[in-house]
Amino acid sequence: MADARGGTLETPQHHIIKDTSETLSRFLQDEFRRAGYKRVHIVDQAPKPDAIEGKLPAVSVYLYQVSLDPEGTDGNVHSEMVQVSRDDGSIEEFRRQRRLWIRLDYLVSTWAQTPEDEQILLGLAIRAIMENPSMGRERLRGGSFEDWFKLNILLSTRLDEGTLARFWGSLNQPIRPAIQAWTAVPIVPEKLEPFRRVEERQLGFRDLNAPGSLETGPTAEDAARRATQPGDKSNR
C-alpha cells in the first residue's frame, strides 16, 4: 500500500534527520572525489582529535543544532489533507496534524597535515555547496523523503567569535576556521484521522418564540420530489 507521503513506504519518516546528514556527507565526498581528492575522509562525529586521528585529510560535517524553522511555521494552519491509495486502486482521504519544519545547522571544518591543505579543502567545500544549492529526490539518500522533495542547502553568514569560541571550547579545541551550512526538513505526523467531505447540507429554522424547538427545512430529496409533482407551483 502506498503511504501518505506520496510514495511507497520504505523507511519511517522520522529517519529524515539521519538521512539528511548522510546525504550531505556523501554529497561532499563525491564532490571531493570528482575534484581529484579521493583520499579525503568524511567524519560526521564531533570534530575531536580522537575522531579525526588516522583519517587525514578529513572533512567534518557535524550537526550541531536542531531547531524549529520559523519560516516553515504557520500558526493559522493546524491540519492538512492526505490521500492514501489502497490496494484495490481506491483513494481514501484522511486528515492529520500539519507537518513541522525543522532547521538543521551543520558546521563543516577541514583537517589536514598543514593549514594550507585545510584551507584548500575548505574552499572546495564552499564551492561545492555554492554550485549545488538544491538536490532532487534522486540524489537523496534513504527512503524518508517524499518523491517531490528537494533538499536546499544554504551557507550562513559568519559565526561570531564568541559562538565559535564556545563551540571549540566545549570540545577542548583551539578555534579553527569552519563554515556553517543549514537546511530545513519536515517531520510528518503518522497519526491519520478519517475525513469525509460534505455530501449534503440540511437547513434548520428555529422558532424565536420557542427557543427549545427546531424546525427542520426540506432536504435535497424533498425538493427533488416536489419539483416532479404535477401542479406544484414551484416547478412553474
C-alpha atoms as a PDB file:
ATOM      1  CA  MET A   1       0.000   0.000   0.000  1.00  0.00           C
ATOM      2  CA  ALA A   2       1.247   3.468  -0.835  1.00  0.00           C
ATOM      3  CA  ASP A   3       1.825   5.679   2.164  1.00  0.00           C
ATOM      4  CA  ALA A   4       0.523   9.183   2.834  1.00  0.00           C
ATOM      5  CA  ARG A   5       3.798  10.835   1.900  1.00  0.00           C
ATOM      6  CA  GLY A   6       3.447  10.489  -1.841  1.00  0.00           C
ATOM      7  CA  GLY A   7       5.486   7.330  -2.395  1.00  0.00           C
ATOM      8  CA  THR A   8       5.932   3.731  -1.349  1.00  0.00           C
ATOM      9  CA  LEU A   9       6.692   3.114   2.304  1.00  0.00           C
ATOM     10  CA  GLU A  10      10.419   2.308   2.542  1.00  0.00           C
ATOM     11  CA  THR A  11      11.749   3.971   5.685  1.00  0.00           C
ATOM     12  CA  PRO A  12       9.970   5.522   8.687  1.00  0.00           C
ATOM     13  CA  GLN A  13       9.656   9.237   8.019  1.00  0.00           C
ATOM     14  CA  HIS A  14      11.267  10.260  11.304  1.00  0.00           C
ATOM     15  CA  HIS A  15      14.592   8.973   9.904  1.00  0.00           C
ATOM     16  CA  ILE A  16      14.751  12.123   7.791  1.00  0.00           C
ATOM     17  CA  ILE A  17      17.305  13.906  10.019  1.00  0.00           C
ATOM     18  CA  LYS A  18      19.694  10.958   9.798  1.00  0.00           C
ATOM     19  CA  ASP A  19      19.090  10.648   6.046  1.00  0.00           C
ATOM     20  CA  THR A  20      19.791  14.365   5.589  1.00  0.00           C
ATOM     21  CA  SER A  21      23.123  14.107   7.397  1.00  0.00           C
ATOM     22  CA  GLU A  22      24.116  11.084   5.308  1.00  0.00           C
ATOM     23  CA  THR A  23      23.070  12.890   2.122  1.00  0.00           C
ATOM     24  CA  LEU A  24      25.218  15.932   2.933  1.00  0.00           C
ATOM     25  CA  SER A  25      28.227  13.791   3.890  1.00  0.00           C
ATOM     26  CA  ARG A  26      28.065  11.623   0.771  1.00  0.00           C
ATOM     27  CA  PHE A  27      27.498  14.685  -1.406  1.00  0.00           C
ATOM     28  CA  LEU A  28      30.692  16.341  -0.162  1.00  0.00           C
ATOM     29  CA  GLN A  29      32.642  13.106  -0.510  1.00  0.00           C
ATOM     30  CA  ASP A  30      31.509  12.729  -4.135  1.00  0.00           C
ATOM     31  CA  GLU A  31      32.451  16.357  -4.868  1.00  0.00           C
ATOM     32  CA  PHE A  32      35.929  15.893  -3.386  1.00  0.00           C
ATOM     33  CA  ARG A  33      36.484  12.714  -5.393  1.00  0.00           C
ATOM     34  CA  ARG A  34      35.310  14.416  -8.560  1.00  0.00           C
ATOM     35  CA  ALA A  35      37.897  17.149  -7.930  1.00  0.00           C
ATOM     36  CA  GLY A  36      40.649  14.550  -7.529  1.00  0.00           C
ATOM     37  CA  TYR A  37      40.757  14.316  -3.714  1.00  0.00           C
ATOM     38  CA  LYS A  38      39.953  10.608  -3.423  1.00  0.00           C
ATOM     39  CA  ARG A  39      41.643  10.077  -0.048  1.00  0.00           C
ATOM     40  CA  VAL A  40      39.566  12.619   1.886  1.00  0.00           C
ATOM     41  CA  HIS A  41      37.583  11.096   4.744  1.00  0.00           C
ATOM     42  CA  ILE A  42      34.180  12.436   5.769  1.00  0.00           C
ATOM     43  CA  VAL A  43      33.654  12.467   9.542  1.00  0.00           C
ATOM     44  CA  ASP A  44      30.123  13.010  10.848  1.00  0.00           C
ATOM     45  CA  GLN A  45      31.061  12.991  14.537  1.00  0.00           C
ATOM     46  CA  ALA A  46      32.043  15.904  16.747  1.00  0.00           C
ATOM     47  CA  PRO A  47      35.353  17.263  15.370  1.00  0.00           C
ATOM     48  CA  LYS A  48      37.658  15.958  18.083  1.00  0.00           C
ATOM     49  CA  PRO A  49      41.214  14.665  17.596  1.00  0.00           C
ATOM     50  CA  ASP A  50      40.213  11.101  18.509  1.00  0.00           C
ATOM     51  CA  ALA A  51      37.538  11.138  15.745  1.00  0.00           C
ATOM     52  CA  ILE A  52      39.973  12.589  13.193  1.00  0.00           C
ATOM     53  CA  GLU A  53      43.082  10.619  14.194  1.00  0.00           C
ATOM     54  CA  GLY A  54      44.341   8.372  11.411  1.00  0.00           C
ATOM     55  CA  LYS A  55      41.913   9.824   8.852  1.00  0.00           C
ATOM     56  CA  LEU A  56      43.808  12.836   7.494  1.00  0.00           C
ATOM     57  CA  PRO A  57      42.917  14.577   5.287  1.00  0.00           C
ATOM     58  CA  ALA A  58      39.378  14.786   6.637  1.00  0.00           C
ATOM     59  CA  VAL A  59      36.262  16.924   6.427  1.00  0.00           C
ATOM     60  CA  SER A  60      34.000  17.082   9.475  1.00  0.00           C
ATOM     61  CA  VAL A  61      30.271  17.527   8.805  1.00  0.00           C
ATOM     62  CA  TYR A  62      28.813  17.981  12.276  1.00  0.00           C
ATOM     63  CA  LEU A  63      25.129  18.542  13.049  1.00  0.00           C
ATOM     64  CA  TYR A  64      25.440  20.929  15.997  1.00  0.00           C
ATOM     65  CA  GLN A  65      21.960  22.444  16.240  1.00  0.00           C
ATOM     66  CA  VAL A  66      18.359  21.391  15.618  1.00  0.00           C
ATOM     67  CA  SER A  67      15.580  23.981  15.899  1.00  0.00           C
ATOM     68  CA  LEU A  68      12.151  24.900  14.593  1.00  0.00           C
ATOM     69  CA  ASP A  69      12.273  26.687  11.252  1.00  0.00           C
ATOM     70  CA  PRO A  70      10.367  29.976  11.761  1.00  0.00           C
ATOM     71  CA  GLU A  71       9.711  30.330   8.030  1.00  0.00           C
ATOM     72  CA  GLY A  72       8.017  26.926   7.949  1.00  0.00           C
ATOM     73  CA  THR A  73       5.669  27.621  10.848  1.00  0.00           C
ATOM     74  CA  ASP A  74       2.171  28.916  10.149  1.00  0.00           C
ATOM     75  CA  GLY A  75       0.053  29.455  13.241  1.00  0.00           C
ATOM     76  CA  ASN A  76      -3.146  29.600  11.149  1.00  0.00           C
ATOM     77  CA  VAL A  77      -2.789  26.080   9.740  1.00  0.00           C
ATOM     78  CA  HIS A  78      -3.478  23.198  12.120  1.00  0.00           C
ATOM     79  CA  SER A  79      -4.033  20.227   9.810  1.00  0.00           C
ATOM     80  CA  GLU A  80      -3.591  19.045   6.250  1.00  0.00           C
ATOM     81  CA  MET A  81      -5.449  16.628   3.981  1.00  0.00           C
ATOM     82  CA  VAL A  82      -3.855  13.369   2.889  1.00  0.00           C
ATOM     83  CA  GLN A  83      -4.924  10.986   0.117  1.00  0.00           C
ATOM     84  CA  VAL A  84      -3.951   7.339   0.522  1.00  0.00           C
ATOM     85  CA  SER A  85      -4.081   4.827  -2.349  1.00  0.00           C
ATOM     86  CA  ARG A  86      -5.482   1.455  -1.353  1.00  0.00           C
ATOM     87  CA  ASP A  87      -4.504  -1.909  -2.845  1.00  0.00           C
ATOM     88  CA  ASP A  88      -7.758  -2.025  -4.818  1.00  0.00           C
ATOM     89  CA  GLY A  89      -6.967   1.302  -6.509  1.00  0.00           C
ATOM     90  CA  SER A  90      -9.403   3.374  -4.480  1.00  0.00           C
ATOM     91  CA  ILE A  91      -8.449   6.660  -2.842  1.00  0.00           C
ATOM     92  CA  GLU A  92      -9.242   7.338   0.807  1.00  0.00           C
ATOM     93  CA  GLU A  93      -8.924  10.762   2.399  1.00  0.00           C
ATOM     94  CA  PHE A  94      -7.589  11.482   5.872  1.00  0.00           C
ATOM     95  CA  ARG A  95      -6.768  14.494   7.988  1.00  0.00           C
ATOM     96  CA  ARG A  96      -3.564  14.792  10.027  1.00  0.00           C
ATOM     97  CA  GLN A  97      -1.761  17.400  12.074  1.00  0.00           C
ATOM     98  CA  ARG A  98       0.322  19.687   9.866  1.00  0.00           C
ATOM     99  CA  ARG A  99       3.960  18.841   9.283  1.00  0.00           C
ATOM    100  CA  LEU A 100       6.593  20.541  11.401  1.00  0.00           C
ATOM    101  CA  TRP A 101       9.612  22.015   9.614  1.00  0.00           C
ATOM    102  CA  ILE A 102      12.935  21.551  11.380  1.00  0.00           C
ATOM    103  CA  ARG A 103      16.080  23.579  10.708  1.00  0.00           C
ATOM    104  CA  LEU A 104      19.348  21.614  10.745  1.00  0.00           C
ATOM    105  CA  ASP A 105      22.599  23.561  11.226  1.00  0.00           C
ATOM    106  CA  TYR A 106      25.886  21.915  10.254  1.00  0.00           C
ATOM    107  CA  LEU A 107      29.442  23.017  10.965  1.00  0.00           C
ATOM    108  CA  VAL A 108      31.898  21.998   8.253  1.00  0.00           C
ATOM    109  CA  SER A 109      35.589  22.012   9.178  1.00  0.00           C
ATOM    110  CA  THR A 110      38.649  20.579   7.429  1.00  0.00           C
ATOM    111  CA  TRP A 111      41.637  18.748   8.839  1.00  0.00           C
ATOM    112  CA  ALA A 112      44.972  18.091   7.133  1.00  0.00           C
ATOM    113  CA  GLN A 113      48.725  17.979   7.741  1.00  0.00           C
ATOM    114  CA  THR A 114      49.168  21.693   7.010  1.00  0.00           C
ATOM    115  CA  PRO A 115      46.957  24.806   7.336  1.00  0.00           C
ATOM    116  CA  GLU A 116      47.367  25.355   3.580  1.00  0.00           C
ATOM    117  CA  ASP A 117      45.816  21.979   2.778  1.00  0.00           C
ATOM    118  CA  GLU A 118      42.964  22.642   5.215  1.00  0.00           C
ATOM    119  CA  GLN A 119      42.207  25.945   3.503  1.00  0.00           C
ATOM    120  CA  ILE A 120      42.176  24.285   0.076  1.00  0.00           C
ATOM    121  CA  LEU A 121      39.687  21.679   1.282  1.00  0.00           C
ATOM    122  CA  LEU A 122      37.570  24.367   2.921  1.00  0.00           C
ATOM    123  CA  GLY A 123      37.437  26.379  -0.302  1.00  0.00           C
ATOM    124  CA  LEU A 124      36.375  23.289  -2.242  1.00  0.00           C
ATOM    125  CA  ALA A 125      33.599  22.564   0.270  1.00  0.00           C
ATOM    126  CA  ILE A 126      32.300  26.128  -0.090  1.00  0.00           C
ATOM    127  CA  ARG A 127      32.316  25.888  -3.882  1.00  0.00           C
ATOM    128  CA  ALA A 128      30.523  22.516  -3.832  1.00  0.00           C
ATOM    129  CA  ILE A 129      27.675  23.854  -1.688  1.00  0.00           C
ATOM    130  CA  MET A 130      27.504  27.085  -3.688  1.00  0.00           C
ATOM    131  CA  GLU A 131      27.183  25.228  -7.008  1.00  0.00           C
ATOM    132  CA  ASN A 132      24.630  22.731  -5.676  1.00  0.00           C
ATOM    133  CA  PRO A 133      22.093  24.736  -3.662  1.00  0.00           C
ATOM    134  CA  SER A 134      19.313  22.208  -4.285  1.00  0.00           C
ATOM    135  CA  MET A 135      19.278  18.409  -4.617  1.00  0.00           C
ATOM    136  CA  GLY A 136      16.366  16.464  -6.091  1.00  0.00           C
ATOM    137  CA  ARG A 137      14.971  13.182  -4.807  1.00  0.00           C
ATOM    138  CA  GLU A 138      17.294  11.088  -6.994  1.00  0.00           C
ATOM    139  CA  ARG A 139      20.326  12.471  -5.121  1.00  0.00           C
ATOM    140  CA  LEU A 140      18.935  11.995  -1.619  1.00  0.00           C
ATOM    141  CA  ARG A 141      19.917   9.002   0.454  1.00  0.00           C
ATOM    142  CA  GLY A 142      17.370   6.965   2.381  1.00  0.00           C
ATOM    143  CA  GLY A 143      13.651   6.393   1.921  1.00  0.00           C
ATOM    144  CA  SER A 144      12.254   9.001   4.302  1.00  0.00           C
ATOM    145  CA  PHE A 145      11.936  11.781   1.707  1.00  0.00           C
ATOM    146  CA  GLU A 146       8.768  12.402  -0.274  1.00  0.00           C
ATOM    147  CA  ASP A 147       9.025  11.919  -4.042  1.00  0.00           C
ATOM    148  CA  TRP A 148       8.642  15.656  -4.758  1.00  0.00           C
ATOM    149  CA  PHE A 149      11.045  16.820  -2.048  1.00  0.00           C
ATOM    150  CA  LYS A 150      14.140  18.905  -2.827  1.00  0.00           C
ATOM    151  CA  LEU A 151      16.844  19.458  -0.227  1.00  0.00           C
ATOM    152  CA  ASN A 152      18.041  23.061  -0.228  1.00  0.00           C
ATOM    153  CA  ILE A 153      21.457  23.691   1.337  1.00  0.00           C
ATOM    154  CA  LEU A 154      22.409  27.256   2.182  1.00  0.00           C
ATOM    155  CA  LEU A 155      25.530  28.876   3.577  1.00  0.00           C
ATOM    156  CA  SER A 156      25.004  31.038   6.638  1.00  0.00           C
ATOM    157  CA  THR A 157      26.688  34.307   7.482  1.00  0.00           C
ATOM    158  CA  ARG A 158      29.818  34.037   9.536  1.00  0.00           C
ATOM    159  CA  LEU A 159      29.585  32.879  13.124  1.00  0.00           C
ATOM    160  CA  ASP A 160      30.604  35.490  15.643  1.00  0.00           C
ATOM    161  CA  GLU A 161      33.817  34.948  17.536  1.00  0.00           C
ATOM    162  CA  GLY A 162      32.023  34.282  20.813  1.00  0.00           C
ATOM    163  CA  THR A 163      29.937  31.468  19.317  1.00  0.00           C
ATOM    164  CA  LEU A 164      32.985  29.872  17.717  1.00  0.00           C
ATOM    165  CA  ALA A 165      34.973  30.169  20.921  1.00  0.00           C
ATOM    166  CA  ARG A 166      32.226  28.470  22.956  1.00  0.00           C
ATOM    167  CA  PHE A 167      31.825  25.704  20.376  1.00  0.00           C
ATOM    168  CA  TRP A 168      35.501  24.813  20.107  1.00  0.00           C
ATOM    169  CA  GLY A 169      35.962  25.371  23.833  1.00  0.00           C
ATOM    170  CA  SER A 170      33.280  22.760  24.556  1.00  0.00           C
ATOM    171  CA  LEU A 171      35.412  20.310  22.578  1.00  0.00           C
ATOM    172  CA  ASN A 172      38.642  21.442  24.295  1.00  0.00           C
ATOM    173  CA  GLN A 173      39.962  22.581  20.930  1.00  0.00           C
ATOM    174  CA  PRO A 174      41.529  25.853  19.769  1.00  0.00           C
ATOM    175  CA  ILE A 175      39.420  27.993  17.425  1.00  0.00           C
ATOM    176  CA  ARG A 176      39.771  26.863  13.826  1.00  0.00           C
ATOM    177  CA  PRO A 177      38.091  28.069  10.613  1.00  0.00           C
ATOM    178  CA  ALA A 178      34.761  26.458   9.730  1.00  0.00           C
ATOM    179  CA  ILE A 179      31.693  27.204   7.629  1.00  0.00           C
ATOM    180  CA  GLN A 180      28.076  26.905   8.643  1.00  0.00           C
ATOM    181  CA  ALA A 181      25.529  25.319   6.288  1.00  0.00           C
ATOM    182  CA  TRP A 182      21.868  24.738   7.012  1.00  0.00           C
ATOM    183  CA  THR A 183      18.758  23.179   5.560  1.00  0.00           C
ATOM    184  CA  ALA A 184      15.152  22.524   6.606  1.00  0.00           C
ATOM    185  CA  VAL A 185      13.249  19.234   6.524  1.00  0.00           C
ATOM    186  CA  PRO A 186       9.705  18.270   7.596  1.00  0.00           C
ATOM    187  CA  ILE A 187       8.687  15.913  10.374  1.00  0.00           C
ATOM    188  CA  VAL A 188       5.381  14.411   9.217  1.00  0.00           C
ATOM    189  CA  PRO A 189       2.904  13.112  11.834  1.00  0.00           C
ATOM    190  CA  GLU A 190       1.994   9.452  11.429  1.00  0.00           C
ATOM    191  CA  LYS A 191      -1.454   9.551  13.032  1.00  0.00           C
ATOM    192  CA  LEU A 192      -4.287   9.886  10.496  1.00  0.00           C
ATOM    193  CA  GLU A 193      -7.925  10.712  11.212  1.00  0.00           C
ATOM    194  CA  PRO A 194     -10.706   9.651   8.807  1.00  0.00           C
ATOM    195  CA  PHE A 195     -12.027  12.551   6.768  1.00  0.00           C
ATOM    196  CA  ARG A 196     -15.357  12.701   4.949  1.00  0.00           C
ATOM    197  CA  ARG A 197     -16.374  15.507   2.642  1.00  0.00           C
ATOM    198  CA  VAL A 198     -19.802  17.156   2.970  1.00  0.00           C
ATOM    199  CA  GLU A 199     -22.182  15.491   0.518  1.00  0.00           C
ATOM    200  CA  GLU A 200     -25.483  17.021   1.670  1.00  0.00           C
ATOM    201  CA  ARG A 201     -26.475  20.019   3.755  1.00  0.00           C
ATOM    202  CA  GLN A 202     -29.668  20.335   5.779  1.00  0.00           C
ATOM    203  CA  LEU A 203     -31.131  23.690   6.820  1.00  0.00           C
ATOM    204  CA  GLY A 204     -32.868  24.142  10.125  1.00  0.00           C
ATOM    205  CA  PHE A 205     -35.183  27.001  11.214  1.00  0.00           C
ATOM    206  CA  ARG A 206     -35.525  27.888  14.872  1.00  0.00           C
ATOM    207  CA  ASP A 207     -38.729  29.440  16.198  1.00  0.00           C
ATOM    208  CA  LEU A 208     -37.646  32.514  18.142  1.00  0.00           C
ATOM    209  CA  ASN A 209     -40.773  32.274  20.299  1.00  0.00           C
ATOM    210  CA  ALA A 210     -39.900  28.720  21.295  1.00  0.00           C
ATOM    211  CA  PRO A 211     -36.105  28.578  21.704  1.00  0.00           C
ATOM    212  CA  GLY A 212     -36.211  24.905  22.526  1.00  0.00           C
ATOM    213  CA  SER A 213     -37.780  23.886  19.227  1.00  0.00           C
ATOM    214  CA  LEU A 214     -36.034  23.346  15.924  1.00  0.00           C
ATOM    215  CA  GLU A 215     -37.962  23.245  12.694  1.00  0.00           C
ATOM    216  CA  THR A 216     -36.164  21.218  10.046  1.00  0.00           C
ATOM    217  CA  GLY A 217     -36.213  22.531   6.492  1.00  0.00           C
ATOM    218  CA  PRO A 218     -36.658  20.426   3.351  1.00  0.00           C
ATOM    219  CA  THR A 219     -33.835  18.125   2.302  1.00  0.00           C
ATOM    220  CA  ALA A 220     -32.481  17.765  -1.208  1.00  0.00           C
ATOM    221  CA  GLU A 221     -34.682  14.674  -1.737  1.00  0.00           C
ATOM    222  CA  ASP A 222     -37.807  16.631  -0.684  1.00  0.00           C
ATOM    223  CA  ALA A 223     -37.034  19.429  -3.136  1.00  0.00           C
ATOM    224  CA  ALA A 224     -36.477  16.959  -5.993  1.00  0.00           C
ATOM    225  CA  ARG A 225     -39.739  15.115  -5.223  1.00  0.00           C
ATOM    226  CA  ARG A 226     -41.759  18.336  -5.117  1.00  0.00           C
ATOM    227  CA  ALA A 227     -40.249  19.506  -8.399  1.00  0.00           C
ATOM    228  CA  THR A 228     -41.603  16.404 -10.173  1.00  0.00           C
ATOM    229  CA  GLN A 229     -45.146  16.576  -8.761  1.00  0.00           C
ATOM    230  CA  PRO A 230     -47.771  17.967 -11.197  1.00  0.00           C
ATOM    231  CA  GLY A 231     -49.396  21.169 -10.196  1.00  0.00           C
ATOM    232  CA  ASP A 232     -46.530  22.237  -7.999  1.00  0.00           C
ATOM    233  CA  LYS A 233     -46.228  25.996  -8.429  1.00  0.00           C
ATOM    234  CA  SER A 234     -42.567  25.906  -7.510  1.00  0.00           C
ATOM    235  CA  ASN A 235     -41.939  23.956 -10.754  1.00  0.00           C
ATOM    236  CA  ARG A 236     -43.615  26.559 -12.970  1.00  0.00           C
END
